PDB file of all heavy atoms in Angstrom:
ATOM      1  N   ALA A   1      88.868  23.203 -64.553  1.00  0.00           N
ATOM      2  CA  ALA A   1      89.250  23.844 -63.289  1.00  0.00           C
ATOM      3  C   ALA A   1      89.228  22.885 -62.103  1.00  0.00           C
ATOM      4  O   ALA A   1      89.109  23.329 -60.953  1.00  0.00           O
ATOM      5  CB  ALA A   1      88.360  25.050 -62.998  1.00  0.00           C
ATOM      6  N   GLY A   2      89.336  21.598 -62.377  1.00  0.00           N
ATOM      7  CA  GLY A   2      89.461  20.658 -61.271  1.00  0.00           C
ATOM      8  C   GLY A   2      90.748  20.922 -60.512  1.00  0.00           C
ATOM      9  O   GLY A   2      91.775  21.260 -61.104  1.00  0.00           O
ATOM     10  N   THR A   3      90.709  20.784 -59.185  1.00  0.00           N
ATOM     11  CA  THR A   3      91.872  21.119 -58.361  1.00  0.00           C
ATOM     12  C   THR A   3      92.223  19.988 -57.402  1.00  0.00           C
ATOM     13  O   THR A   3      91.379  19.139 -57.051  1.00  0.00           O
ATOM     14  CB  THR A   3      91.621  22.393 -57.540  1.00  0.00           C
ATOM     15  OG1 THR A   3      90.484  22.193 -56.692  1.00  0.00           O
ATOM     16  CG2 THR A   3      91.379  23.591 -58.434  1.00  0.00           C
ATOM     17  N   TYR A   4      93.467  20.016 -56.956  1.00  0.00           N
ATOM     18  CA  TYR A   4      93.962  19.041 -55.982  1.00  0.00           C
ATOM     19  C   TYR A   4      95.068  19.721 -55.192  1.00  0.00           C
ATOM     20  O   TYR A   4      95.847  20.493 -55.757  1.00  0.00           O
ATOM     21  CB  TYR A   4      94.492  17.803 -56.719  1.00  0.00           C
ATOM     22  CG  TYR A   4      95.011  16.716 -55.818  1.00  0.00           C
ATOM     23  CD1 TYR A   4      94.133  15.888 -55.115  1.00  0.00           C
ATOM     24  CD2 TYR A   4      96.376  16.499 -55.680  1.00  0.00           C
ATOM     25  CE1 TYR A   4      94.618  14.882 -54.295  1.00  0.00           C
ATOM     26  CE2 TYR A   4      96.867  15.492 -54.877  1.00  0.00           C
ATOM     27  CZ  TYR A   4      95.990  14.683 -54.181  1.00  0.00           C
ATOM     28  OH  TYR A   4      96.456  13.678 -53.379  1.00  0.00           O
ATOM     29  N   TYR A   5      95.107  19.418 -53.883  1.00  0.00           N
ATOM     30  CA  TYR A   5      96.051  20.109 -52.996  1.00  0.00           C
ATOM     31  C   TYR A   5      96.865  19.128 -52.169  1.00  0.00           C
ATOM     32  O   TYR A   5      96.399  18.036 -51.826  1.00  0.00           O
ATOM     33  CB  TYR A   5      95.280  21.017 -52.028  1.00  0.00           C
ATOM     34  CG  TYR A   5      94.524  22.126 -52.692  1.00  0.00           C
ATOM     35  CD1 TYR A   5      93.204  21.943 -53.101  1.00  0.00           C
ATOM     36  CD2 TYR A   5      95.116  23.366 -52.903  1.00  0.00           C
ATOM     37  CE1 TYR A   5      92.505  22.967 -53.718  1.00  0.00           C
ATOM     38  CE2 TYR A   5      94.410  24.395 -53.515  1.00  0.00           C
ATOM     39  CZ  TYR A   5      93.111  24.181 -53.911  1.00  0.00           C
ATOM     40  OH  TYR A   5      92.418  25.208 -54.522  1.00  0.00           O
ATOM     41  N   ALA A   6      98.058  19.567 -51.811  1.00  0.00           N
ATOM     42  CA  ALA A   6      98.835  18.843 -50.820  1.00  0.00           C
ATOM     43  C   ALA A   6      98.126  18.967 -49.473  1.00  0.00           C
ATOM     44  O   ALA A   6      97.502  20.003 -49.187  1.00  0.00           O
ATOM     45  CB  ALA A   6     100.243  19.419 -50.732  1.00  0.00           C
ATOM     46  N   ASP A   7      98.222  17.942 -48.665  1.00  0.00           N
ATOM     47  CA  ASP A   7      97.558  17.967 -47.359  1.00  0.00           C
ATOM     48  C   ASP A   7      98.039  19.148 -46.512  1.00  0.00           C
ATOM     49  O   ASP A   7      97.267  19.714 -45.731  1.00  0.00           O
ATOM     50  CB  ASP A   7      97.829  16.660 -46.610  1.00  0.00           C
ATOM     51  CG  ASP A   7      97.061  15.492 -47.203  1.00  0.00           C
ATOM     52  OD1 ASP A   7      96.095  15.729 -47.961  1.00  0.00           O
ATOM     53  OD2 ASP A   7      97.427  14.344 -46.917  1.00  0.00           O
ATOM     54  N   SER A   8      99.297  19.513 -46.674  1.00  0.00           N
ATOM     55  CA  SER A   8      99.877  20.564 -45.837  1.00  0.00           C
ATOM     56  C   SER A   8      99.283  21.943 -46.101  1.00  0.00           C
ATOM     57  O   SER A   8      99.417  22.848 -45.260  1.00  0.00           O
ATOM     58  CB  SER A   8     101.395  20.613 -46.043  1.00  0.00           C
ATOM     59  OG  SER A   8     101.702  20.865 -47.396  1.00  0.00           O
ATOM     60  N   VAL A   9      98.617  22.126 -47.248  1.00  0.00           N
ATOM     61  CA  VAL A   9      98.071  23.449 -47.579  1.00  0.00           C
ATOM     62  C   VAL A   9      96.556  23.422 -47.741  1.00  0.00           C
ATOM     63  O   VAL A   9      95.942  24.484 -47.906  1.00  0.00           O
ATOM     64  CB  VAL A   9      98.715  24.017 -48.860  1.00  0.00           C
ATOM     65  CG1 VAL A   9     100.234  24.021 -48.747  1.00  0.00           C
ATOM     66  CG2 VAL A   9      98.265  23.262 -50.102  1.00  0.00           C
ATOM     67  N   LYS A  10      95.967  22.248 -47.679  1.00  0.00           N
ATOM     68  CA  LYS A  10      94.529  22.132 -47.884  1.00  0.00           C
ATOM     69  C   LYS A  10      93.773  22.959 -46.859  1.00  0.00           C
ATOM     70  O   LYS A  10      94.079  22.929 -45.669  1.00  0.00           O
ATOM     71  CB  LYS A  10      94.124  20.659 -47.776  1.00  0.00           C
ATOM     72  CG  LYS A  10      92.830  20.294 -48.455  1.00  0.00           C
ATOM     73  CD  LYS A  10      92.620  18.793 -48.415  1.00  0.00           C
ATOM     74  CE  LYS A  10      93.682  18.055 -49.191  1.00  0.00           C
ATOM     75  NZ  LYS A  10      93.456  16.582 -49.213  1.00  0.00           N
ATOM     76  N   GLY A  11      92.811  23.736 -47.337  1.00  0.00           N
ATOM     77  CA  GLY A  11      92.038  24.601 -46.454  1.00  0.00           C
ATOM     78  C   GLY A  11      92.656  25.971 -46.241  1.00  0.00           C
ATOM     79  O   GLY A  11      91.994  26.872 -45.724  1.00  0.00           O
ATOM     80  N   ARG A  12      93.912  26.135 -46.627  1.00  0.00           N
ATOM     81  CA  ARG A  12      94.577  27.437 -46.474  1.00  0.00           C
ATOM     82  C   ARG A  12      94.909  28.073 -47.825  1.00  0.00           C
ATOM     83  O   ARG A  12      94.876  29.299 -47.950  1.00  0.00           O
ATOM     84  CB  ARG A  12      95.883  27.264 -45.685  1.00  0.00           C
ATOM     85  CG  ARG A  12      95.698  26.731 -44.289  1.00  0.00           C
ATOM     86  CD  ARG A  12      97.003  26.780 -43.493  1.00  0.00           C
ATOM     87  NE  ARG A  12      98.062  25.957 -44.083  1.00  0.00           N
ATOM     88  CZ  ARG A  12      99.244  26.443 -44.452  1.00  0.00           C
ATOM     89  NH1 ARG A  12      99.537  27.716 -44.287  1.00  0.00           N
ATOM     90  NH2 ARG A  12     100.157  25.621 -44.966  1.00  0.00           N
ATOM     91  N   PHE A  13      95.240  27.260 -48.809  1.00  0.00           N
ATOM     92  CA  PHE A  13      95.617  27.755 -50.130  1.00  0.00           C
ATOM     93  C   PHE A  13      94.514  27.442 -51.128  1.00  0.00           C
ATOM     94  O   PHE A  13      93.837  26.417 -51.027  1.00  0.00           O
ATOM     95  CB  PHE A  13      96.909  27.082 -50.616  1.00  0.00           C
ATOM     96  CG  PHE A  13      98.164  27.468 -49.873  1.00  0.00           C
ATOM     97  CD1 PHE A  13      98.124  28.203 -48.694  1.00  0.00           C
ATOM     98  CD2 PHE A  13      99.401  27.076 -50.356  1.00  0.00           C
ATOM     99  CE1 PHE A  13      99.275  28.549 -48.017  1.00  0.00           C
ATOM    100  CE2 PHE A  13     100.567  27.410 -49.700  1.00  0.00           C
ATOM    101  CZ  PHE A  13     100.509  28.144 -48.526  1.00  0.00           C
ATOM    102  N   THR A  14      94.368  28.325 -52.120  1.00  0.00           N
ATOM    103  CA  THR A  14      93.403  28.113 -53.197  1.00  0.00           C
ATOM    104  C   THR A  14      94.059  28.399 -54.535  1.00  0.00           C
ATOM    105  O   THR A  14      94.616  29.485 -54.722  1.00  0.00           O
ATOM    106  CB  THR A  14      92.175  29.023 -53.030  1.00  0.00           C
ATOM    107  OG1 THR A  14      91.558  28.783 -51.757  1.00  0.00           O
ATOM    108  CG2 THR A  14      91.152  28.750 -54.134  1.00  0.00           C
ATOM    109  N   ILE A  15      93.995  27.434 -55.438  1.00  0.00           N
ATOM    110  CA  ILE A  15      94.515  27.627 -56.797  1.00  0.00           C
ATOM    111  C   ILE A  15      93.339  27.952 -57.708  1.00  0.00           C
ATOM    112  O   ILE A  15      92.245  27.386 -57.565  1.00  0.00           O
ATOM    113  CB  ILE A  15      95.282  26.373 -57.281  1.00  0.00           C
ATOM    114  CG1 ILE A  15      95.982  26.645 -58.611  1.00  0.00           C
ATOM    115  CG2 ILE A  15      94.375  25.151 -57.371  1.00  0.00           C
ATOM    116  CD1 ILE A  15      96.938  25.532 -59.040  1.00  0.00           C
ATOM    117  N   SER A  16      93.562  28.873 -58.630  1.00  0.00           N
ATOM    118  CA  SER A  16      92.516  29.245 -59.584  1.00  0.00           C
ATOM    119  C   SER A  16      93.180  29.667 -60.876  1.00  0.00           C
ATOM    120  O   SER A  16      94.405  29.846 -60.932  1.00  0.00           O
ATOM    121  CB  SER A  16      91.645  30.368 -59.022  1.00  0.00           C
ATOM    122  OG  SER A  16      92.430  31.534 -58.792  1.00  0.00           O
ATOM    123  N   ARG A  17      92.361  29.807 -61.916  1.00  0.00           N
ATOM    124  CA  ARG A  17      92.943  30.268 -63.186  1.00  0.00           C
ATOM    125  C   ARG A  17      91.998  31.221 -63.885  1.00  0.00           C
ATOM    126  O   ARG A  17      90.782  31.196 -63.694  1.00  0.00           O
ATOM    127  CB  ARG A  17      93.308  29.079 -64.092  1.00  0.00           C
ATOM    128  CG  ARG A  17      92.258  28.616 -65.120  1.00  0.00           C
ATOM    129  CD  ARG A  17      91.254  27.710 -64.561  1.00  0.00           C
ATOM    130  NE  ARG A  17      90.473  27.014 -65.570  1.00  0.00           N
ATOM    131  CZ  ARG A  17      89.225  27.316 -65.847  1.00  0.00           C
ATOM    132  NH1 ARG A  17      88.625  28.343 -65.259  1.00  0.00           N
ATOM    133  NH2 ARG A  17      88.542  26.600 -66.727  1.00  0.00           N
ATOM    134  N   ASP A  18      92.576  32.100 -64.681  1.00  0.00           N
ATOM    135  CA  ASP A  18      91.849  33.047 -65.519  1.00  0.00           C
ATOM    136  C   ASP A  18      92.221  32.717 -66.957  1.00  0.00           C
ATOM    137  O   ASP A  18      93.339  33.021 -67.395  1.00  0.00           O
ATOM    138  CB  ASP A  18      92.221  34.485 -65.158  1.00  0.00           C
ATOM    139  CG  ASP A  18      91.379  35.508 -65.890  1.00  0.00           C
ATOM    140  OD1 ASP A  18      91.008  35.259 -67.071  1.00  0.00           O
ATOM    141  OD2 ASP A  18      91.114  36.571 -65.310  1.00  0.00           O
ATOM    142  N   VAL A  19      91.302  32.072 -67.642  1.00  0.00           N
ATOM    143  CA  VAL A  19      91.596  31.607 -68.999  1.00  0.00           C
ATOM    144  C   VAL A  19      91.894  32.773 -69.935  1.00  0.00           C
ATOM    145  O   VAL A  19      92.813  32.719 -70.746  1.00  0.00           O
ATOM    146  CB  VAL A  19      90.426  30.756 -69.528  1.00  0.00           C
ATOM    147  CG1 VAL A  19      90.656  30.381 -70.990  1.00  0.00           C
ATOM    148  CG2 VAL A  19      90.249  29.501 -68.687  1.00  0.00           C
ATOM    149  N   ALA A  20      91.125  33.846 -69.789  1.00  0.00           N
ATOM    150  CA  ALA A  20      91.306  35.000 -70.677  1.00  0.00           C
ATOM    151  C   ALA A  20      92.683  35.636 -70.509  1.00  0.00           C
ATOM    152  O   ALA A  20      93.258  36.156 -71.469  1.00  0.00           O
ATOM    153  CB  ALA A  20      90.216  36.036 -70.411  1.00  0.00           C
ATOM    154  N   LYS A  21      93.205  35.576 -69.292  1.00  0.00           N
ATOM    155  CA  LYS A  21      94.504  36.180 -69.028  1.00  0.00           C
ATOM    156  C   LYS A  21      95.643  35.165 -69.085  1.00  0.00           C
ATOM    157  O   LYS A  21      96.802  35.522 -68.857  1.00  0.00           O
ATOM    158  CB  LYS A  21      94.499  36.863 -67.656  1.00  0.00           C
ATOM    159  CG  LYS A  21      93.566  38.056 -67.569  1.00  0.00           C
ATOM    160  CD  LYS A  21      93.651  38.721 -66.195  1.00  0.00           C
ATOM    161  CE  LYS A  21      92.748  39.941 -66.130  1.00  0.00           C
ATOM    162  NZ  LYS A  21      92.819  40.608 -64.798  1.00  0.00           N
ATOM    163  N   ASN A  22      95.311  33.914 -69.330  1.00  0.00           N
ATOM    164  CA  ASN A  22      96.351  32.875 -69.363  1.00  0.00           C
ATOM    165  C   ASN A  22      97.175  32.873 -68.082  1.00  0.00           C
ATOM    166  O   ASN A  22      98.413  32.742 -68.115  1.00  0.00           O
ATOM    167  CB  ASN A  22      97.278  33.066 -70.567  1.00  0.00           C
ATOM    168  CG  ASN A  22      97.072  32.013 -71.629  1.00  0.00           C
ATOM    169  OD1 ASN A  22      96.056  31.333 -71.654  1.00  0.00           O
ATOM    170  ND2 ASN A  22      98.061  31.864 -72.496  1.00  0.00           N
ATOM    171  N   THR A  23      96.495  33.027 -66.957  1.00  0.00           N
ATOM    172  CA  THR A  23      97.181  33.191 -65.676  1.00  0.00           C
ATOM    173  C   THR A  23      96.600  32.241 -64.638  1.00  0.00           C
ATOM    174  O   THR A  23      95.379  32.048 -64.580  1.00  0.00           O
ATOM    175  CB  THR A  23      97.055  34.642 -65.190  1.00  0.00           C
ATOM    176  OG1 THR A  23      97.677  35.515 -66.142  1.00  0.00           O
ATOM    177  CG2 THR A  23      97.741  34.833 -63.841  1.00  0.00           C
ATOM    178  N   VAL A  24      97.478  31.681 -63.835  1.00  0.00           N
ATOM    179  CA  VAL A  24      97.057  30.846 -62.714  1.00  0.00           C
ATOM    180  C   VAL A  24      97.480  31.548 -61.428  1.00  0.00           C
ATOM    181  O   VAL A  24      98.519  32.219 -61.391  1.00  0.00           O
ATOM    182  CB  VAL A  24      97.649  29.426 -62.811  1.00  0.00           C
ATOM    183  CG1 VAL A  24      99.168  29.459 -62.719  1.00  0.00           C
ATOM    184  CG2 VAL A  24      97.074  28.516 -61.748  1.00  0.00           C
ATOM    185  N   TYR A  25      96.656  31.420 -60.410  1.00  0.00           N
ATOM    186  CA  TYR A  25      96.884  32.104 -59.146  1.00  0.00           C
ATOM    187  C   TYR A  25      97.002  31.088 -58.009  1.00  0.00           C
ATOM    188  O   TYR A  25      96.451  29.989 -58.081  1.00  0.00           O
ATOM    189  CB  TYR A  25      95.735  33.057 -58.832  1.00  0.00           C
ATOM    190  CG  TYR A  25      95.484  34.082 -59.911  1.00  0.00           C
ATOM    191  CD1 TYR A  25      94.485  33.889 -60.863  1.00  0.00           C
ATOM    192  CD2 TYR A  25      96.243  35.244 -59.978  1.00  0.00           C
ATOM    193  CE1 TYR A  25      94.259  34.829 -61.855  1.00  0.00           C
ATOM    194  CE2 TYR A  25      96.017  36.185 -60.965  1.00  0.00           C
ATOM    195  CZ  TYR A  25      95.026  35.969 -61.899  1.00  0.00           C
ATOM    196  OH  TYR A  25      94.808  36.901 -62.883  1.00  0.00           O
TER     197      TYR A  25
END
């Protein structure tokens, strides 16, 4: 679950994943 963001969205957007649901948000 390591993450990395574009500078333009850092602090405003959050990426996450649900392994059981095979879904990324």
